[in-house]
PDB file of N, CA and C in Angstrom:
ATOM      1  N   GLU A   1       1.321  -1.170  -0.050  1.00  0.00           N
ATOM      2  CA  GLU A   1      -0.003  -0.219  -0.209  1.00  0.00           C
ATOM      3  C   GLU A   1       0.591   1.013   0.337  1.00  0.00           C
ATOM      4  N   ASN A   2       2.231   0.801   0.580  1.00  0.00           N
ATOM      5  CA  ASN A   2       2.921   1.822   0.451  1.00  0.00           C
ATOM      6  C   ASN A   2       3.539   2.781  -0.644  1.00  0.00           C
ATOM      7  N   LYS A   3       3.404   1.702  -1.523  1.00  0.00           N
ATOM      8  CA  LYS A   3       3.726   2.214  -3.335  1.00  0.00           C
ATOM      9  C   LYS A   3       2.796   2.632  -3.482  1.00  0.00           C
ATOM     10  N   LEU A   4       1.064   2.649  -3.194  1.00  0.00           N
ATOM     11  CA  LEU A   4       0.829   3.002  -4.363  1.00  0.00           C
ATOM     12  C   LEU A   4       0.378   4.736  -3.752  1.00  0.00           C
ATOM     13  N   LYS A   5       0.203   4.688  -2.416  1.00  0.00           N
ATOM     14  CA  LYS A   5       0.371   6.129  -1.966  1.00  0.00           C
ATOM     15  C   LYS A   5       1.663   6.940  -2.165  1.00  0.00           C
ATOM     16  N   LYS A   6       2.645   6.431  -2.975  1.00  0.00           N
ATOM     17  CA  LYS A   6       3.874   6.777  -3.081  1.00  0.00           C
ATOM     18  C   LYS A   6       3.255   7.445  -4.900  1.00  0.00           C
ATOM     19  N   SER A   7       2.850   6.338  -5.343  1.00  0.00           N
ATOM     20  CA  SER A   7       2.451   7.198  -6.730  1.00  0.00           C
ATOM     21  C   SER A   7       1.519   8.368  -6.575  1.00  0.00           C
ATOM     22  N   PHE A   8       0.665   8.466  -5.502  1.00  0.00           N
ATOM     23  CA  PHE A   8      -0.683   9.363  -5.727  1.00  0.00           C
ATOM     24  C   PHE A   8       0.240  10.653  -5.267  1.00  0.00           C
ATOM     25  N   CYS A   9       0.756  10.520  -4.399  1.00  0.00           N
ATOM     26  CA  CYS A   9       1.668  11.275  -4.147  1.00  0.00           C
ATOM     27  C   CYS A   9       2.528  12.438  -4.745  1.00  0.00           C
ATOM     28  N   SER A  10       3.752  11.439  -5.345  1.00  0.00           N
ATOM     29  CA  SER A  10       4.444  11.658  -6.762  1.00  0.00           C
ATOM     30  C   SER A  10       3.526  12.722  -7.862  1.00  0.00           C
ATOM     31  N   ALA A  11       2.543  12.144  -8.338  1.00  0.00           N
ATOM     32  CA  ALA A  11       1.845  11.910  -9.455  1.00  0.00           C
ATOM     33  C   ALA A  11       0.858  13.209  -9.217  1.00  0.00           C
ATOM     34  N   LEU A  12       0.471  13.400  -8.137  1.00  0.00           N
ATOM     35  CA  LEU A  12      -0.650  14.796  -7.935  1.00  0.00           C
ATOM     36  C   LEU A  12       0.142  15.653  -7.034  1.00  0.00           C
ATOM     37  N   SER A  13       1.184  15.607  -6.969  1.00  0.00           N
ATOM     38  CA  SER A  13       2.507  16.333  -6.001  1.00  0.00           C
ATOM     39  C   SER A  13       1.323  16.859  -4.912  1.00  0.00           C
ATOM     40  N   ILE A  14       1.000  16.201  -3.918  1.00  0.00           N
ATOM     41  CA  ILE A  14      -0.049  16.036  -2.769  1.00  0.00           C
ATOM     42  C   ILE A  14       1.255  15.356  -1.533  1.00  0.00           C
ATOM     43  N   THR A  15       1.091  16.152  -0.404  1.00  0.00           N
ATOM     44  CA  THR A  15       0.969  15.004   0.668  1.00  0.00           C
ATOM     45  C   THR A  15       0.648  13.638   1.224  1.00  0.00           C
ATOM     46  N   GLU A  16       1.459  12.950   1.441  1.00  0.00           N
ATOM     47  CA  GLU A  16       0.841  11.285   2.481  1.00  0.00           C
ATOM     48  C   GLU A  16      -0.568  11.994   2.940  1.00  0.00           C
ATOM     49  N   ASP A  17      -0.642  12.535   4.066  1.00  0.00           N
ATOM     50  CA  ASP A  17      -1.704  13.030   4.382  1.00  0.00           C
ATOM     51  C   ASP A  17      -3.258  13.062   4.339  1.00  0.00           C
ATOM     52  N   LEU A  18      -3.031  13.605   3.038  1.00  0.00           N
ATOM     53  CA  LEU A  18      -4.179  13.736   2.386  1.00  0.00           C
ATOM     54  C   LEU A  18      -4.780  12.013   1.549  1.00  0.00           C
ATOM     55  N   VAL A  19      -3.497  11.216   1.296  1.00  0.00           N
ATOM     56  CA  VAL A  19      -4.048  10.124   0.316  1.00  0.00           C
ATOM     57  C   VAL A  19      -4.545   9.447   1.479  1.00  0.00           C
ATOM     58  N   ASN A  20      -5.760   8.817   1.550  1.00  0.00           N
ATOM     59  CA  ASN A  20      -6.448   7.937   2.198  1.00  0.00           C
ATOM     60  C   ASN A  20      -7.911   7.464   1.701  1.00  0.00           C
ATOM     61  N   GLU A  21      -8.693   6.791   2.446  1.00  0.00           N
ATOM     62  CA  GLU A  21     -10.392   5.584   1.495  1.00  0.00           C
ATOM     63  C   GLU A  21     -10.990   6.869   0.993  1.00  0.00           C
ATOM     64  N   SER A  22     -11.523   8.170   1.728  1.00  0.00           N
ATOM     65  CA  SER A  22     -11.633   9.034   1.151  1.00  0.00           C
ATOM     66  C   SER A  22     -11.446   9.890   0.226  1.00  0.00           C
ATOM     67  N   LEU A  23     -10.195   9.965  -0.452  1.00  0.00           N
ATOM     68  CA  LEU A  23      -9.895  10.353  -1.410  1.00  0.00           C
ATOM     69  C   LEU A  23     -10.499   9.663  -2.709  1.00  0.00           C
ATOM     70  N   GLU A  24     -11.421  11.508  -3.265  1.00  0.00           N
ATOM     71  CA  GLU A  24     -11.890  10.873  -4.319  1.00  0.00           C
ATOM     72  C   GLU A  24     -11.141  11.817  -5.630  1.00  0.00           C
ATOM     73  N   TYR A  25     -11.616  11.408  -6.923  1.00  0.00           N
ATOM     74  CA  TYR A  25     -11.274  11.991  -8.254  1.00  0.00           C
ATOM     75  C   TYR A  25     -12.176  13.578  -7.887  1.00  0.00           C
ATOM     76  N   ASN A  26     -11.494  14.170  -8.124  1.00  0.00           N
ATOM     77  CA  ASN A  26     -12.234  15.876  -8.656  1.00  0.00           C
ATOM     78  C   ASN A  26     -12.321  16.491  -7.062  1.00  0.00           C
ATOM     79  N   GLY A  27     -11.971  15.575  -6.328  1.00  0.00           N
ATOM     80  CA  GLY A  27     -12.228  15.728  -4.488  1.00  0.00           C
ATOM     81  C   GLY A  27     -11.438  16.834  -3.688  1.00  0.00           C
ATOM     82  N   ILE A  28     -10.108  16.928  -4.769  1.00  0.00           N
ATOM     83  CA  ILE A  28      -9.206  17.891  -4.302  1.00  0.00           C
ATOM     84  C   ILE A  28      -8.922  18.557  -5.912  1.00  0.00           C
ATOM     85  N   PRO A  29      -8.326  19.442  -6.040  1.00  0.00           N
ATOM     86  CA  PRO A  29      -7.429  20.318  -7.120  1.00  0.00           C
ATOM     87  C   PRO A  29      -6.779  19.575  -8.013  1.00  0.00           C
ATOM     88  N   GLU A  30      -5.569  19.184  -6.964  1.00  0.00           N
ATOM     89  CA  GLU A  30      -5.024  18.556  -8.003  1.00  0.00           C
ATOM     90  C   GLU A  30      -5.336  17.024  -8.564  1.00  0.00           C
ATOM     91  N   TRP A  31      -5.879  16.635  -8.120  1.00  0.00           N
ATOM     92  CA  TRP A  31      -6.831  15.470  -8.900  1.00  0.00           C
ATOM     93  C   TRP A  31      -7.578  15.666  -9.971  1.00  0.00           C
ATOM     94  N   ASP A  32      -7.239  16.090 -10.878  1.00  0.00           N
ATOM     95  CA  ASP A  32      -8.589  16.722 -12.130  1.00  0.00           C
ATOM     96  C   ASP A  32      -8.038  15.810 -12.987  1.00  0.00           C
ATOM     97  N   SER A  33      -8.785  15.848 -14.476  1.00  0.00           N
ATOM     98  CA  SER A  33      -8.532  14.665 -15.814  1.00  0.00           C
ATOM     99  C   SER A  33      -6.921  14.494 -15.587  1.00  0.00           C
ATOM    100  N   ILE A  34      -6.186  15.990 -16.357  1.00  0.00           N
ATOM    101  CA  ILE A  34      -4.534  15.791 -16.129  1.00  0.00           C
ATOM    102  C   ILE A  34      -3.476  15.097 -15.471  1.00  0.00           C
ATOM    103  N   GLY A  35      -3.927  15.222 -13.642  1.00  0.00           N
ATOM    104  CA  GLY A  35      -3.811  14.390 -12.763  1.00  0.00           C
ATOM    105  C   GLY A  35      -4.028  13.179 -12.734  1.00  0.00           C
ATOM    106  N   HIS A  36      -5.317  12.804 -13.233  1.00  0.00           N
ATOM    107  CA  HIS A  36      -5.305  10.850 -13.623  1.00  0.00           C
ATOM    108  C   HIS A  36      -4.539  10.399 -14.542  1.00  0.00           C
ATOM    109  N   MET A  37      -4.320  10.779 -15.396  1.00  0.00           N
ATOM    110  CA  MET A  37      -3.730  10.302 -15.886  1.00  0.00           C
ATOM    111  C   MET A  37      -1.958  10.166 -15.343  1.00  0.00           C
ATOM    112  N   SER A  38      -1.774  11.620 -15.186  1.00  0.00           N
ATOM    113  CA  SER A  38      -0.015  11.257 -14.291  1.00  0.00           C
ATOM    114  C   SER A  38      -0.349  10.356 -13.149  1.00  0.00           C
ATOM    115  N   LEU A  39      -1.928   9.975 -12.546  1.00  0.00           N
ATOM    116  CA  LEU A  39      -1.775   9.124 -11.465  1.00  0.00           C
ATOM    117  C   LEU A  39      -1.359   7.494 -11.880  1.00  0.00           C
ATOM    118  N   ILE A  40      -2.583   7.320 -13.016  1.00  0.00           N
ATOM    119  CA  ILE A  40      -2.389   5.866 -13.822  1.00  0.00           C
ATOM    120  C   ILE A  40      -1.244   6.021 -14.346  1.00  0.00           C
ATOM    121  N   SER A  41      -0.306   6.984 -14.720  1.00  0.00           N
ATOM    122  CA  SER A  41       0.966   6.171 -15.579  1.00  0.00           C
ATOM    123  C   SER A  41       2.391   5.806 -14.445  1.00  0.00           C
ATOM    124  N   ALA A  42       2.041   6.964 -13.353  1.00  0.00           N
ATOM    125  CA  ALA A  42       2.894   6.636 -11.991  1.00  0.00           C
ATOM    126  C   ALA A  42       2.539   4.900 -11.546  1.00  0.00           C
ATOM    127  N   ILE A  43       1.170   4.665 -11.695  1.00  0.00           N
ATOM    128  CA  ILE A  43       0.534   3.711 -10.378  1.00  0.00           C
ATOM    129  C   ILE A  43       1.275   2.075 -12.008  1.00  0.00           C
ATOM    130  N   GLU A  44       1.113   2.232 -12.859  1.00  0.00           N
ATOM    131  CA  GLU A  44       1.704   1.306 -13.744  1.00  0.00           C
ATOM    132  C   GLU A  44       3.064   0.725 -14.013  1.00  0.00           C
ATOM    133  N   GLU A  45       3.875   2.165 -14.168  1.00  0.00           N
ATOM    134  CA  GLU A  45       5.166   2.353 -13.683  1.00  0.00           C
ATOM    135  C   GLU A  45       6.045   1.273 -12.468  1.00  0.00           C
ATOM    136  N   GLU A  46       5.065   2.119 -11.313  1.00  0.00           N
ATOM    137  CA  GLU A  46       5.255   1.641 -10.015  1.00  0.00           C
ATOM    138  C   GLU A  46       4.650  -0.120  -9.812  1.00  0.00           C
ATOM    139  N   PHE A  47       4.034  -0.150 -10.368  1.00  0.00           N
ATOM    140  CA  PHE A  47       3.480  -1.797 -10.272  1.00  0.00           C
ATOM    141  C   PHE A  47       3.529  -2.662 -11.719  1.00  0.00           C
ATOM    142  N   LYS A  48       4.680  -2.087 -12.582  1.00  0.00           N
ATOM    143  CA  LYS A  48       4.757  -2.580 -13.810  1.00  0.00           C
ATOM    144  C   LYS A  48       3.703  -3.529 -14.264  1.00  0.00           C
ATOM    145  N   ILE A  49       2.431  -2.960 -14.649  1.00  0.00           N
ATOM    146  CA  ILE A  49       1.197  -3.280 -15.485  1.00  0.00           C
ATOM    147  C   ILE A  49       0.280  -2.196 -16.234  1.00  0.00           C
ATOM    148  N   SER A  50      -0.669  -2.821 -17.128  1.00  0.00           N
ATOM    149  CA  SER A  50      -0.676  -1.302 -17.987  1.00  0.00           C
ATOM    150  C   SER A  50      -2.005  -1.684 -17.341  1.00  0.00           C
ATOM    151  N   VAL A  51      -2.832  -0.594 -17.367  1.00  0.00           N
ATOM    152  CA  VAL A  51      -3.717  -0.298 -16.925  1.00  0.00           C
ATOM    153  C   VAL A  51      -5.335  -0.298 -18.293  1.00  0.00           C
ATOM    154  N   GLU A  52      -6.293  -1.221 -17.833  1.00  0.00           N
ATOM    155  CA  GLU A  52      -7.008  -0.733 -18.962  1.00  0.00           C
ATOM    156  C   GLU A  52      -8.098  -0.021 -18.951  1.00  0.00           C
ATOM    157  N   THR A  53      -8.211   0.600 -20.257  1.00  0.00           N
ATOM    158  CA  THR A  53      -9.212   1.948 -20.512  1.00  0.00           C
ATOM    159  C   THR A  53     -10.224   2.129 -19.436  1.00  0.00           C
ATOM    160  N   ASP A  54     -10.813   0.628 -19.270  1.00  0.00           N
ATOM    161  CA  ASP A  54     -12.500   0.959 -18.428  1.00  0.00           C
ATOM    162  C   ASP A  54     -11.622   0.779 -17.165  1.00  0.00           C
ATOM    163  N   ASP A  55     -10.423   0.678 -16.604  1.00  0.00           N
ATOM    164  CA  ASP A  55     -10.229   0.040 -15.457  1.00  0.00           C
ATOM    165  C   ASP A  55      -9.582   1.600 -15.323  1.00  0.00           C
ATOM    166  N   ILE A  56      -9.477   2.583 -16.021  1.00  0.00           N
ATOM    167  CA  ILE A  56      -9.074   4.048 -15.617  1.00  0.00           C
ATOM    168  C   ILE A  56     -10.157   4.976 -15.417  1.00  0.00           C
ATOM    169  N   ILE A  57     -11.066   4.188 -16.340  1.00  0.00           N
ATOM    170  CA  ILE A  57     -12.183   5.306 -15.744  1.00  0.00           C
ATOM    171  C   ILE A  57     -13.123   5.338 -14.556  1.00  0.00           C
ATOM    172  N   ASP A  58     -13.274   4.105 -14.305  1.00  0.00           N
ATOM    173  CA  ASP A  58     -13.475   4.131 -13.247  1.00  0.00           C
ATOM    174  C   ASP A  58     -12.803   3.410 -12.174  1.00  0.00           C
ATOM    175  N   PHE A  59     -11.453   4.341 -12.091  1.00  0.00           N
ATOM    176  CA  PHE A  59     -10.864   4.578 -10.715  1.00  0.00           C
ATOM    177  C   PHE A  59     -11.338   6.008 -10.519  1.00  0.00           C
ATOM    178  N   SER A  60     -12.199   5.989  -9.464  1.00  0.00           N
ATOM    179  CA  SER A  60     -12.947   7.385  -9.057  1.00  0.00           C
ATOM    180  C   SER A  60     -12.052   7.336  -7.696  1.00  0.00           C
ATOM    181  N   GLY A  61     -11.190   6.655  -7.038  1.00  0.00           N
ATOM    182  CA  GLY A  61     -11.345   6.899  -5.576  1.00  0.00           C
ATOM    183  C   GLY A  61      -9.935   6.184  -5.635  1.00  0.00           C
ATOM    184  N   TYR A  62      -9.779   6.556  -4.095  1.00  0.00           N
ATOM    185  CA  TYR A  62      -8.162   5.703  -3.549  1.00  0.00           C
ATOM    186  C   TYR A  62      -8.622   4.840  -3.626  1.00  0.00           C
ATOM    187  N   LYS A  63      -9.687   4.471  -2.556  1.00  0.00           N
ATOM    188  CA  LYS A  63     -10.231   3.055  -2.453  1.00  0.00           C
ATOM    189  C   LYS A  63     -11.070   2.305  -3.451  1.00  0.00           C
ATOM    190  N   LYS A  64     -11.593   2.542  -4.559  1.00  0.00           N
ATOM    191  CA  LYS A  64     -11.947   2.330  -5.747  1.00  0.00           C
ATOM    192  C   LYS A  64     -11.016   1.571  -6.328  1.00  0.00           C
ATOM    193  N   GLY A  65      -9.584   2.719  -6.057  1.00  0.00           N
ATOM    194  CA  GLY A  65      -8.493   1.926  -7.069  1.00  0.00           C
ATOM    195  C   GLY A  65      -7.490   0.992  -6.557  1.00  0.00           C
ATOM    196  N   LYS A  66      -7.946   0.949  -4.905  1.00  0.00           N
ATOM    197  CA  LYS A  66      -7.197  -0.675  -4.697  1.00  0.00           C
ATOM    198  C   LYS A  66      -8.112  -1.605  -4.910  1.00  0.00           C
ATOM    199  N   GLU A  67      -9.534  -1.285  -5.224  1.00  0.00           N
ATOM    200  CA  GLU A  67     -10.168  -2.242  -5.305  1.00  0.00           C
ATOM    201  C   GLU A  67      -9.881  -3.348  -6.711  1.00  0.00           C
ATOM    202  N   ILE A  68      -9.503  -2.410  -7.655  1.00  0.00           N
ATOM    203  CA  ILE A  68      -9.650  -2.594  -8.784  1.00  0.00           C
ATOM    204  C   ILE A  68      -7.741  -2.944  -9.179  1.00  0.00           C
ATOM    205  N   LEU A  69      -7.154  -2.896  -8.768  1.00  0.00           N
ATOM    206  CA  LEU A  69      -5.873  -2.887  -8.420  1.00  0.00           C
ATOM    207  C   LEU A  69      -5.327  -4.361  -8.126  1.00  0.00           C
ATOM    208  N   SER A  70      -6.361  -5.034  -6.790  1.00  0.00           N
ATOM    209  CA  SER A  70      -6.691  -6.292  -5.883  1.00  0.00           C
ATOM    210  C   SER A  70      -6.981  -7.089  -6.730  1.00  0.00           C
ATOM    211  N   SER A  71      -8.031  -6.842  -7.822  1.00  0.00           N
ATOM    212  CA  SER A  71      -9.564  -7.953  -8.161  1.00  0.00           C
ATOM    213  C   SER A  71      -8.795  -8.331  -9.539  1.00  0.00           C
ATOM    214  N   LYS A  72      -8.297  -7.263 -10.391  1.00  0.00           N
ATOM    215  CA  LYS A  72      -8.052  -7.362 -11.732  1.00  0.00           C
ATOM    216  C   LYS A  72      -6.312  -7.491 -11.916  1.00  0.00           C
ATOM    217  N   TYR A  73      -5.679  -7.318 -11.514  1.00  0.00           N
ATOM    218  CA  TYR A  73      -3.860  -7.319 -11.353  1.00  0.00           C
ATOM    219  C   TYR A  73      -3.727  -7.917 -10.611  1.00  0.00           C
ATOM    220  N   ASN A  74      -3.876  -8.566  -9.416  1.00  0.00           N
ATOM    221  CA  ASN A  74      -3.097  -9.374  -8.457  1.00  0.00           C
ATOM    222  C   ASN A  74      -2.345  -8.984  -7.578  1.00  0.00           C
ATOM    223  N   ILE A  75      -2.690  -7.278  -6.929  1.00  0.00           N
ATOM    224  CA  ILE A  75      -1.936  -6.341  -6.473  1.00  0.00           C
ATOM    225  C   ILE A  75      -2.421  -6.808  -5.250  1.00  0.00           C
ATOM    226  N   LYS A  76      -1.828  -6.799  -3.915  1.00  0.00           N
ATOM    227  CA  LYS A  76      -2.118  -7.020  -2.650  1.00  0.00           C
ATOM    228  C   LYS A  76      -1.638  -5.732  -1.705  1.00  0.00           C
ATOM    229  N   PHE A  77      -2.843  -5.783  -0.668  1.00  0.00           N
ATOM    230  CA  PHE A  77      -2.748  -4.174  -0.123  1.00  0.00           C
ATOM    231  C   PHE A  77      -2.745  -4.868   1.235  1.00  0.00           C
TER     232      PHE A  77
END
């Protein structure tokens, strides 16, 4: 989970205290459409995966993202 938090912090230029289960897309100014693509890119690089388009669209929050990464990409948190 630290790797995922690190991806959020680096891609969105935010501090780790902002990364929690309630963090949602567009919930903070940094997580806009451009930030979203930076985030997906950072996650792909960190976990050595390629996130499918449907999953990019469904990645609506930190909690939802963890669910997607766990169920579809076998990443354990």
